[in-house]
PDB file of N, CA and C in Angstrom:
ATOM      1  N   MET A   1      86.991  98.885 114.903  1.00  0.00           N
ATOM      2  CA  MET A   1      87.452 100.286 114.736  1.00  0.00           C
ATOM      3  C   MET A   1      88.198 100.418 113.373  1.00  0.00           C
ATOM      4  N   LEU A   2      89.019  99.444 113.128  1.00  0.00           N
ATOM      5  CA  LEU A   2      89.788  99.434 111.882  1.00  0.00           C
ATOM      6  C   LEU A   2      88.827  99.462 110.678  1.00  0.00           C
ATOM      7  N   LYS A   3      87.762  98.691 110.818  1.00  0.00           N
ATOM      8  CA  LYS A   3      86.807  98.599 109.707  1.00  0.00           C
ATOM      9  C   LYS A   3      86.153  99.936 109.395  1.00  0.00           C
ATOM     10  N   LEU A   4      85.700 100.611 110.478  1.00  0.00           N
ATOM     11  CA  LEU A   4      85.134 102.002 110.327  1.00  0.00           C
ATOM     12  C   LEU A   4      86.154 102.939 109.715  1.00  0.00           C
ATOM     13  N   TYR A   5      87.421 102.899 110.206  1.00  0.00           N
ATOM     14  CA  TYR A   5      88.442 103.731 109.676  1.00  0.00           C
ATOM     15  C   TYR A   5      88.665 103.572 108.203  1.00  0.00           C
ATOM     16  N   LEU A   6      88.823 102.293 107.694  1.00  0.00           N
ATOM     17  CA  LEU A   6      88.973 101.978 106.331  1.00  0.00           C
ATOM     18  C   LEU A   6      87.810 102.427 105.501  1.00  0.00           C
ATOM     19  N   ILE A   7      86.605 102.151 105.987  1.00  0.00           N
ATOM     20  CA  ILE A   7      85.394 102.581 105.233  1.00  0.00           C
ATOM     21  C   ILE A   7      85.403 104.140 105.132  1.00  0.00           C
ATOM     22  N   GLY A   8      85.698 104.789 106.262  1.00  0.00           N
ATOM     23  CA  GLY A   8      85.768 106.309 106.186  1.00  0.00           C
ATOM     24  C   GLY A   8      86.828 106.823 105.265  1.00  0.00           C
ATOM     25  N   LEU A   9      88.009 106.150 105.246  1.00  0.00           N
ATOM     26  CA  LEU A   9      89.007 106.594 104.268  1.00  0.00           C
ATOM     27  C   LEU A   9      88.572 106.369 102.865  1.00  0.00           C
ATOM     28  N   SER A  10      87.899 105.238 102.582  1.00  0.00           N
ATOM     29  CA  SER A  10      87.458 104.959 101.213  1.00  0.00           C
ATOM     30  C   SER A  10      86.403 106.040 100.838  1.00  0.00           C
ATOM     31  N   ILE A  11      85.444 106.373 101.681  1.00  0.00           N
ATOM     32  CA  ILE A  11      84.489 107.434 101.417  1.00  0.00           C
ATOM     33  C   ILE A  11      85.188 108.773 101.123  1.00  0.00           C
ATOM     34  N   LEU A  12      86.216 109.102 101.934  1.00  0.00           N
ATOM     35  CA  LEU A  12      86.926 110.328 101.780  1.00  0.00           C
ATOM     36  C   LEU A  12      87.619 110.427 100.330  1.00  0.00           C
ATOM     37  N   VAL A  13      88.327 109.271  99.990  1.00  0.00           N
ATOM     38  CA  VAL A  13      88.996 109.280  98.707  1.00  0.00           C
ATOM     39  C   VAL A  13      88.089 109.382  97.625  1.00  0.00           C
ATOM     40  N   VAL A  14      86.854 108.704  97.642  1.00  0.00           N
ATOM     41  CA  VAL A  14      85.868 108.773  96.618  1.00  0.00           C
ATOM     42  C   VAL A  14      85.304 110.217  96.549  1.00  0.00           C
ATOM     43  N   ALA A  15      85.030 110.778  97.653  1.00  0.00           N
ATOM     44  CA  ALA A  15      84.522 112.117  97.697  1.00  0.00           C
ATOM     45  C   ALA A  15      85.488 113.141  97.093  1.00  0.00           C
ATOM     46  N   ILE A  16      86.793 113.027  97.330  1.00  0.00           N
ATOM     47  CA  ILE A  16      87.752 113.921  96.695  1.00  0.00           C
ATOM     48  C   ILE A  16      87.742 113.668  95.215  1.00  0.00           C
ATOM     49  N   GLY A  17      87.787 112.474  94.772  1.00  0.00           N
ATOM     50  CA  GLY A  17      87.695 112.106  93.360  1.00  0.00           C
ATOM     51  C   GLY A  17      86.520 112.647  92.709  1.00  0.00           C
ATOM     52  N   ALA A  18      85.289 112.566  93.371  1.00  0.00           N
ATOM     53  CA  ALA A  18      84.067 113.064  92.853  1.00  0.00           C
ATOM     54  C   ALA A  18      84.070 114.492  92.717  1.00  0.00           C
ATOM     55  N   ASN A  19      84.666 115.164  93.634  1.00  0.00           N
ATOM     56  CA  ASN A  19      84.777 116.695  93.504  1.00  0.00           C
ATOM     57  C   ASN A  19      85.646 117.086  92.333  1.00  0.00           C
ATOM     58  N   VAL A  20      86.709 116.328  92.099  1.00  0.00           N
ATOM     59  CA  VAL A  20      87.573 116.579  90.933  1.00  0.00           C
ATOM     60  C   VAL A  20      86.757 116.334  89.685  1.00  0.00           C
ATOM     61  N   LEU A  21      86.045 115.206  89.670  1.00  0.00           N
ATOM     62  CA  LEU A  21      85.218 114.865  88.506  1.00  0.00           C
ATOM     63  C   LEU A  21      84.138 115.939  88.233  1.00  0.00           C
ATOM     64  N   ALA A  22      83.514 116.470  89.310  1.00  0.00           N
ATOM     65  CA  ALA A  22      82.530 117.569  89.175  1.00  0.00           C
ATOM     66  C   ALA A  22      83.136 118.793  88.490  1.00  0.00           C
ATOM     67  N   HIS A  23      84.302 119.104  88.914  1.00  0.00           N
ATOM     68  CA  HIS A  23      85.041 120.229  88.348  1.00  0.00           C
ATOM     69  C   HIS A  23      85.292 119.949  86.816  1.00  0.00           C
ATOM     70  N   LEU A  24      85.748 118.800  86.506  1.00  0.00           N
ATOM     71  CA  LEU A  24      86.059 118.429  85.121  1.00  0.00           C
ATOM     72  C   LEU A  24      84.809 118.491  84.246  1.00  0.00           C
ATOM     73  N   ILE A  25      83.684 118.101  84.688  1.00  0.00           N
ATOM     74  CA  ILE A  25      82.467 118.102  83.899  1.00  0.00           C
ATOM     75  C   ILE A  25      81.748 119.433  83.992  1.00  0.00           C
ATOM     76  N   GLY A  26      82.186 120.355  84.851  1.00  0.00           N
ATOM     77  CA  GLY A  26      81.549 121.633  84.990  1.00  0.00           C
ATOM     78  C   GLY A  26      80.311 121.683  85.847  1.00  0.00           C
ATOM     79  N   ALA A  27      80.187 120.682  86.764  1.00  0.00           N
ATOM     80  CA  ALA A  27      79.012 120.648  87.663  1.00  0.00           C
ATOM     81  C   ALA A  27      79.410 121.334  89.040  1.00  0.00           C
ATOM     82  N   ARG A  28      78.443 121.948  89.570  1.00  0.00           N
ATOM     83  CA  ARG A  28      78.612 122.610  90.906  1.00  0.00           C
ATOM     84  C   ARG A  28      78.819 121.479  92.023  1.00  0.00           C
ATOM     85  N   THR A  29      79.633 121.771  92.983  1.00  0.00           N
ATOM     86  CA  THR A  29      79.807 120.866  94.041  1.00  0.00           C
ATOM     87  C   THR A  29      78.904 121.353  95.218  1.00  0.00           C
ATOM     88  N   TRP A  30      78.893 120.594  96.313  1.00  0.00           N
ATOM     89  CA  TRP A  30      78.155 120.996  97.445  1.00  0.00           C
ATOM     90  C   TRP A  30      78.708 122.338  98.086  1.00  0.00           C
ATOM     91  N   TYR A  31      80.026 122.419  97.942  1.00  0.00           N
ATOM     92  CA  TYR A  31      80.619 123.691  98.416  1.00  0.00           C
ATOM     93  C   TYR A  31      80.117 124.878  97.695  1.00  0.00           C
ATOM     94  N   ASP A  32      79.988 124.731  96.342  1.00  0.00           N
ATOM     95  CA  ASP A  32      79.430 125.819  95.516  1.00  0.00           C
ATOM     96  C   ASP A  32      78.000 126.131  95.950  1.00  0.00           C
ATOM     97  N   PHE A  33      77.191 125.084  96.052  1.00  0.00           N
ATOM     98  CA  PHE A  33      75.764 125.208  96.404  1.00  0.00           C
ATOM     99  C   PHE A  33      75.562 125.836  97.683  1.00  0.00           C
ATOM    100  N   ILE A  34      76.377 125.439  98.720  1.00  0.00           N
ATOM    101  CA  ILE A  34      76.226 126.083 100.052  1.00  0.00           C
ATOM    102  C   ILE A  34      76.585 127.536  99.981  1.00  0.00           C
ATOM    103  N   GLY A  35      77.581 127.834  99.198  1.00  0.00           N
ATOM    104  CA  GLY A  35      77.985 129.301  98.946  1.00  0.00           C
ATOM    105  C   GLY A  35      76.823 130.094  98.341  1.00  0.00           C
ATOM    106  N   LEU A  36      76.183 129.461  97.380  1.00  0.00           N
ATOM    107  CA  LEU A  36      75.023 130.109  96.812  1.00  0.00           C
ATOM    108  C   LEU A  36      73.874 130.332  97.788  1.00  0.00           C
ATOM    109  N   LEU A  37      73.633 129.275  98.635  1.00  0.00           N
ATOM    110  CA  LEU A  37      72.561 129.373  99.663  1.00  0.00           C
ATOM    111  C   LEU A  37      72.901 130.541 100.640  1.00  0.00           C
ATOM    112  N   ASN A  38      74.148 130.573 101.048  1.00  0.00           N
ATOM    113  CA  ASN A  38      74.521 131.641 102.004  1.00  0.00           C
ATOM    114  C   ASN A  38      74.387 133.006 101.407  1.00  0.00           C
ATOM    115  N   LYS A  39      74.765 133.159 100.131  1.00  0.00           N
ATOM    116  CA  LYS A  39      74.777 134.442  99.457  1.00  0.00           C
ATOM    117  C   LYS A  39      73.429 134.873  99.032  1.00  0.00           C
ATOM    118  N   ASP A  40      72.658 133.964  98.399  1.00  0.00           N
ATOM    119  CA  ASP A  40      71.451 134.396  97.643  1.00  0.00           C
ATOM    120  C   ASP A  40      70.209 133.813  98.247  1.00  0.00           C
ATOM    121  N   GLY A  41      70.217 132.907  99.232  1.00  0.00           N
ATOM    122  CA  GLY A  41      69.016 132.255  99.776  1.00  0.00           C
ATOM    123  C   GLY A  41      68.630 131.075  98.974  1.00  0.00           C
ATOM    124  N   MET A  42      67.683 130.300  99.483  1.00  0.00           N
ATOM    125  CA  MET A  42      67.370 129.033  98.964  1.00  0.00           C
ATOM    126  C   MET A  42      66.700 129.107  97.559  1.00  0.00           C
ATOM    127  N   ALA A  43      65.721 129.923  97.369  1.00  0.00           N
ATOM    128  CA  ALA A  43      65.022 129.974  96.098  1.00  0.00           C
ATOM    129  C   ALA A  43      65.875 130.457  94.925  1.00  0.00           C
ATOM    130  N   ALA A  44      66.687 131.478  95.252  1.00  0.00           N
ATOM    131  CA  ALA A  44      67.627 132.012  94.267  1.00  0.00           C
ATOM    132  C   ALA A  44      68.749 131.011  93.974  1.00  0.00           C
ATOM    133  N   ALA A  45      69.257 130.296  94.959  1.00  0.00           N
ATOM    134  CA  ALA A  45      70.302 129.288  94.734  1.00  0.00           C
ATOM    135  C   ALA A  45      69.799 128.183  93.859  1.00  0.00           C
ATOM    136  N   PHE A  46      68.555 127.665  94.089  1.00  0.00           N
ATOM    137  CA  PHE A  46      68.045 126.614  93.227  1.00  0.00           C
ATOM    138  C   PHE A  46      67.868 127.077  91.847  1.00  0.00           C
ATOM    139  N   ARG A  47      67.440 128.324  91.639  1.00  0.00           N
ATOM    140  CA  ARG A  47      67.255 128.856  90.281  1.00  0.00           C
ATOM    141  C   ARG A  47      68.573 128.929  89.487  1.00  0.00           C
ATOM    142  N   GLN A  48      69.705 129.023  90.204  1.00  0.00           N
ATOM    143  CA  GLN A  48      70.960 129.178  89.542  1.00  0.00           C
ATOM    144  C   GLN A  48      71.520 127.772  89.114  1.00  0.00           C
ATOM    145  N   LEU A  49      70.911 126.743  89.583  1.00  0.00           N
ATOM    146  CA  LEU A  49      71.469 125.399  89.267  1.00  0.00           C
ATOM    147  C   LEU A  49      70.954 124.839  87.933  1.00  0.00           C
ATOM    148  N   SER A  50      71.799 124.313  87.144  1.00  0.00           N
ATOM    149  CA  SER A  50      71.298 123.753  85.909  1.00  0.00           C
ATOM    150  C   SER A  50      70.841 122.315  86.161  1.00  0.00           C
ATOM    151  N   TRP A  51      70.253 121.621  85.156  1.00  0.00           N
ATOM    152  CA  TRP A  51      69.821 120.263  85.306  1.00  0.00           C
ATOM    153  C   TRP A  51      71.031 119.383  85.657  1.00  0.00           C
ATOM    154  N   LYS A  52      72.202 119.640  84.990  1.00  0.00           N
ATOM    155  CA  LYS A  52      73.372 118.908  85.285  1.00  0.00           C
ATOM    156  C   LYS A  52      73.844 119.023  86.747  1.00  0.00           C
ATOM    157  N   ASP A  53      73.706 120.273  87.308  1.00  0.00           N
ATOM    158  CA  ASP A  53      74.067 120.476  88.726  1.00  0.00           C
ATOM    159  C   ASP A  53      73.116 119.729  89.636  1.00  0.00           C
ATOM    160  N   LEU A  54      71.789 119.777  89.339  1.00  0.00           N
ATOM    161  CA  LEU A  54      70.864 119.076  90.125  1.00  0.00           C
ATOM    162  C   LEU A  54      71.050 117.542  90.105  1.00  0.00           C
ATOM    163  N   LEU A  55      71.284 117.043  88.928  1.00  0.00           N
ATOM    164  CA  LEU A  55      71.535 115.655  88.739  1.00  0.00           C
ATOM    165  C   LEU A  55      72.816 115.176  89.486  1.00  0.00           C
ATOM    166  N   TRP A  56      73.828 115.992  89.406  1.00  0.00           N
ATOM    167  CA  TRP A  56      75.091 115.707  90.095  1.00  0.00           C
ATOM    168  C   TRP A  56      74.875 115.701  91.608  1.00  0.00           C
ATOM    169  N   LEU A  57      74.308 116.783  92.125  1.00  0.00           N
ATOM    170  CA  LEU A  57      74.196 116.994  93.550  1.00  0.00           C
ATOM    171  C   LEU A  57      73.239 116.045  94.195  1.00  0.00           C
ATOM    172  N   PHE A  58      72.174 115.679  93.615  1.00  0.00           N
ATOM    173  CA  PHE A  58      71.148 114.961  94.304  1.00  0.00           C
ATOM    174  C   PHE A  58      70.959 113.515  93.778  1.00  0.00           C
ATOM    175  N   VAL A  59      71.694 113.109  92.685  1.00  0.00           N
ATOM    176  CA  VAL A  59      71.598 111.700  92.302  1.00  0.00           C
ATOM    177  C   VAL A  59      72.960 111.038  92.254  1.00  0.00           C
ATOM    178  N   VAL A  60      73.823 111.583  91.439  1.00  0.00           N
ATOM    179  CA  VAL A  60      75.142 110.931  91.098  1.00  0.00           C
ATOM    180  C   VAL A  60      76.059 111.005  92.338  1.00  0.00           C
ATOM    181  N   TYR A  61      76.258 112.203  92.943  1.00  0.00           N
ATOM    182  CA  TYR A  61      77.144 112.297  94.051  1.00  0.00           C
ATOM    183  C   TYR A  61      76.777 111.388  95.222  1.00  0.00           C
ATOM    184  N   PRO A  62      75.488 111.454  95.639  1.00  0.00           N
ATOM    185  CA  PRO A  62      75.111 110.599  96.812  1.00  0.00           C
ATOM    186  C   PRO A  62      75.230 109.167  96.443  1.00  0.00           C
ATOM    187  N   PHE A  63      74.983 108.808  95.186  1.00  0.00           N
ATOM    188  CA  PHE A  63      75.121 107.325  94.799  1.00  0.00           C
ATOM    189  C   PHE A  63      76.653 106.925  94.844  1.00  0.00           C
ATOM    190  N   LEU A  64      77.526 107.740  94.405  1.00  0.00           N
ATOM    191  CA  LEU A  64      78.953 107.469  94.457  1.00  0.00           C
ATOM    192  C   LEU A  64      79.372 107.331  95.860  1.00  0.00           C
ATOM    193  N   LEU A  65      78.974 108.260  96.752  1.00  0.00           N
ATOM    194  CA  LEU A  65      79.358 108.154  98.173  1.00  0.00           C
ATOM    195  C   LEU A  65      78.760 106.952  98.839  1.00  0.00           C
ATOM    196  N   GLY A  66      77.539 106.604  98.550  1.00  0.00           N
ATOM    197  CA  GLY A  66      76.861 105.450  99.105  1.00  0.00           C
ATOM    198  C   GLY A  66      77.590 104.148  98.648  1.00  0.00           C
ATOM    199  N   CYS A  67      78.038 104.035  97.447  1.00  0.00           N
ATOM    200  CA  CYS A  67      78.747 102.920  96.985  1.00  0.00           C
ATOM    201  C   CYS A  67      80.201 102.845  97.508  1.00  0.00           C
ATOM    202  N   SER A  68      80.716 103.980  97.940  1.00  0.00           N
ATOM    203  CA  SER A  68      82.151 104.096  98.210  1.00  0.00           C
ATOM    204  C   SER A  68      82.510 103.363  99.556  1.00  0.00           C
ATOM    205  N   TYR A  69      81.533 102.922 100.304  1.00  0.00           N
ATOM    206  CA  TYR A  69      81.877 102.182 101.468  1.00  0.00           C
ATOM    207  C   TYR A  69      82.368 100.789 101.120  1.00  0.00           C
ATOM    208  N   LEU A  70      81.970 100.261  99.969  1.00  0.00           N
ATOM    209  CA  LEU A  70      82.364  98.929  99.542  1.00  0.00           C
ATOM    210  C   LEU A  70      83.809  98.668  99.445  1.00  0.00           C
ATOM    211  N   PRO A  71      84.626  99.521  98.830  1.00  0.00           N
ATOM    212  CA  PRO A  71      86.060  99.330  98.674  1.00  0.00           C
ATOM    213  C   PRO A  71      86.721  99.225 100.116  1.00  0.00           C
ATOM    214  N   GLY A  72      86.305 100.038 100.965  1.00  0.00           N
ATOM    215  CA  GLY A  72      86.812 100.027 102.370  1.00  0.00           C
ATOM    216  C   GLY A  72      86.410  98.745 103.098  1.00  0.00           C
ATOM    217  N   LYS A  73      85.148  98.280 102.895  1.00  0.00           N
ATOM    218  CA  LYS A  73      84.771  97.021 103.484  1.00  0.00           C
ATOM    219  C   LYS A  73      85.490  95.907 102.900  1.00  0.00           C
ATOM    220  N   TRP A  74      85.683  95.812 101.565  1.00  0.00           N
ATOM    221  CA  TRP A  74      86.364  94.758 100.981  1.00  0.00           C
ATOM    222  C   TRP A  74      87.825  94.794 101.320  1.00  0.00           C
ATOM    223  N   PHE A  75      88.475  95.944 101.484  1.00  0.00           N
ATOM    224  CA  PHE A  75      89.875  95.988 101.883  1.00  0.00           C
ATOM    225  C   PHE A  75      90.066  95.462 103.329  1.00  0.00           C
ATOM    226  N   TYR A  76      89.089  95.849 104.196  1.00  0.00           N
ATOM    227  CA  TYR A  76      89.077  95.383 105.571  1.00  0.00           C
ATOM    228  C   TYR A  76      89.022  93.822 105.578  1.00  0.00           C
ATOM    229  N   GLU A  77      88.057  93.254 104.813  1.00  0.00           N
ATOM    230  CA  GLU A  77      87.899  91.837 104.776  1.00  0.00           C
ATOM    231  C   GLU A  77      89.145  91.155 104.235  1.00  0.00           C
ATOM    232  N   TRP A  78      89.740  91.714 103.242  1.00  0.00           N
ATOM    233  CA  TRP A  78      90.953  91.139 102.661  1.00  0.00           C
ATOM    234  C   TRP A  78      92.105  91.142 103.655  1.00  0.00           C
ATOM    235  N   LEU A  79      92.217  92.307 104.293  1.00  0.00           N
ATOM    236  CA  LEU A  79      93.298  92.550 105.289  1.00  0.00           C
ATOM    237  C   LEU A  79      93.148  91.611 106.480  1.00  0.00           C
ATOM    238  N   THR A  80      91.958  91.432 106.964  1.00  0.00           N
ATOM    239  CA  THR A  80      91.832  90.615 108.198  1.00  0.00           C
ATOM    240  C   THR A  80      91.409  89.192 107.955  1.00  0.00           C
ATOM    241  N   GLY A  81      91.071  88.841 106.752  1.00  0.00           N
ATOM    242  CA  GLY A  81      90.588  87.495 106.385  1.00  0.00           C
ATOM    243  C   GLY A  81      89.187  87.232 106.823  1.00  0.00           C
ATOM    244  N   ASN A  82      88.461  88.312 107.280  1.00  0.00           N
ATOM    245  CA  ASN A  82      87.028  88.166 107.676  1.00  0.00           C
ATOM    246  C   ASN A  82      86.138  88.367 106.414  1.00  0.00           C
ATOM    247  N   ALA A  83      85.270  87.453 106.113  1.00  0.00           N
ATOM    248  CA  ALA A  83      84.407  87.609 105.003  1.00  0.00           C
ATOM    249  C   ALA A  83      82.944  87.772 105.409  1.00  0.00           C
TER     250      ALA A  83
END
């Protein structure tokens, strides 16, 4: 249970940092995209996304979150001595 908690915490911290980074580089976040979907519908929402938004939402952000389990796993292993 501790392992899952630490991995989840790691993912949360990376997700928050990634959203800050998205803001700094001017890319839309998933919150922005969902707002567009609700307001304008799917086709219009996708038309409003730039190549940078698409790259961020569908390549970079998922990659960062996918890798973010590693620090939690490593911290758990360090904390418990399990390798």
